[in-house]
Amino acid sequence: MHDIFLCVRACFVCACVSIGQFRIFFHPSKSRVVPPLATMAANLGRICGSKLLGTSAGVGLQQVKQLSTTKAWTNGQKKLIASVGAVTGGLGALLFALESSVEASGTEVHPPAMPWSHKGIISSLDHQSVRRGYEVYKQVCSACHSMRYIAYRNLIGVSHTEAEAKAEAEQIMVRDGPDDTGNYFDRPGKLSDYFPSPYPNEEAARAANNGAYPPDLSYIVSARKGGEDYVFSLLTGYFDAPAGVVLREGQYFNPYFPGGAISMAQVLYNEVIEYSDGTPPTTSQLAKDVATFLKWTSEPEHDERKQLTIKAFGILAFLAVISYYIKRHKWSTLKSRKIVFVPKEK
């Protein structure tokens, strides 16, 4: 098996050296020039032939070792490989430098890492915060942003009971149909309905927001670098434009937004809404709750995934103990067992 591996390795080395070389090599034994592929085929034939004919394995292995090292390479081949390596390394360094220069741009402030309660390996989302975040979205964010991938049934067992989620769905009117007469009609929402969009189409959304299109918030935390840290910092990071920064009409300065100029005005203020559970609605509390809610909409499987992680660690720990026992007390005797053939004496 080892000899076969060396043979395959020699073929790979010969192919790497020969393919792509359009010059020919000098064969000193016969004083003539031969194509590189013919040289490779001849070497391979001699090596494999020694195996097939049952000749001494020392000659074949010696030839394989010679082909597997760089001693048999010419100066031109070594220079070519060194040049390719240098060019590849230079391109890699250039790409890394360009990427680093982009990340070091001064037009955007990176959001600080917040101590979220769900950041732990086995920590779940704060479901009370998810419920309050839904209230913030419903009363503030839904005026401009859609969540067309989240249905009211998804709230059940997370932030609302089934009756509460059904009551929330019935507060909207959904265009449905056609009926038996071919007409469309409006009906109260159901659990299977998705959150309504504030605009009928993209053109209407741009016309109402000075040409800017409000993004859908269903997966916004996963779609933005920084996740919930970015959302929290963006909602609480409005400042007066510094000297030298010129904003167009309808734009506001926010250093956490790429470019610093954002078309969304500050929407969260102290006591802009009232929480149903009586929590003081400060600006930071509102931003924290809606960021947690958007974290859940982006990763609805967040808690289930961490529960599965706990189960997986438990199973792996049990299997590790069993594996150690088998290795120590069962396999050790099989591993050290020796079978000796003792011929019968004549």
Foldseek 3Di string as FASTA:
>chain_A
DVLVVLLVLLLVLLCVQQPPDPDWDADVVVRDTDHSVVVSVVLSCVLVVCVVVVHDNVVNVVSSVVSNDCPPPDPVSVVVVVVVVVVVVVVVVVVVVVVVVVVPDPQADDFDDDPAQQPDLQGDFPLCLLLLLVVLCVVFVQLQAAAQPAFLLLCDPRNDPQVVSQVVQQVDWDWDDDDPVGDIDIHGGGRGHGTDHNDPDQVVSCVVQVRDHHYHLLQVQVVDPPRLSLQLLQLPFFDQDDPPDDADPQWGAGRNDRNRTDNDDRGAAFCPDADPVRDGRHRSSNSNSNSSNSVCSNPVCSNVVSVVVVVVVVVVVVVVVVVVCCVVPPVVCVVPDDDDDDDDDD
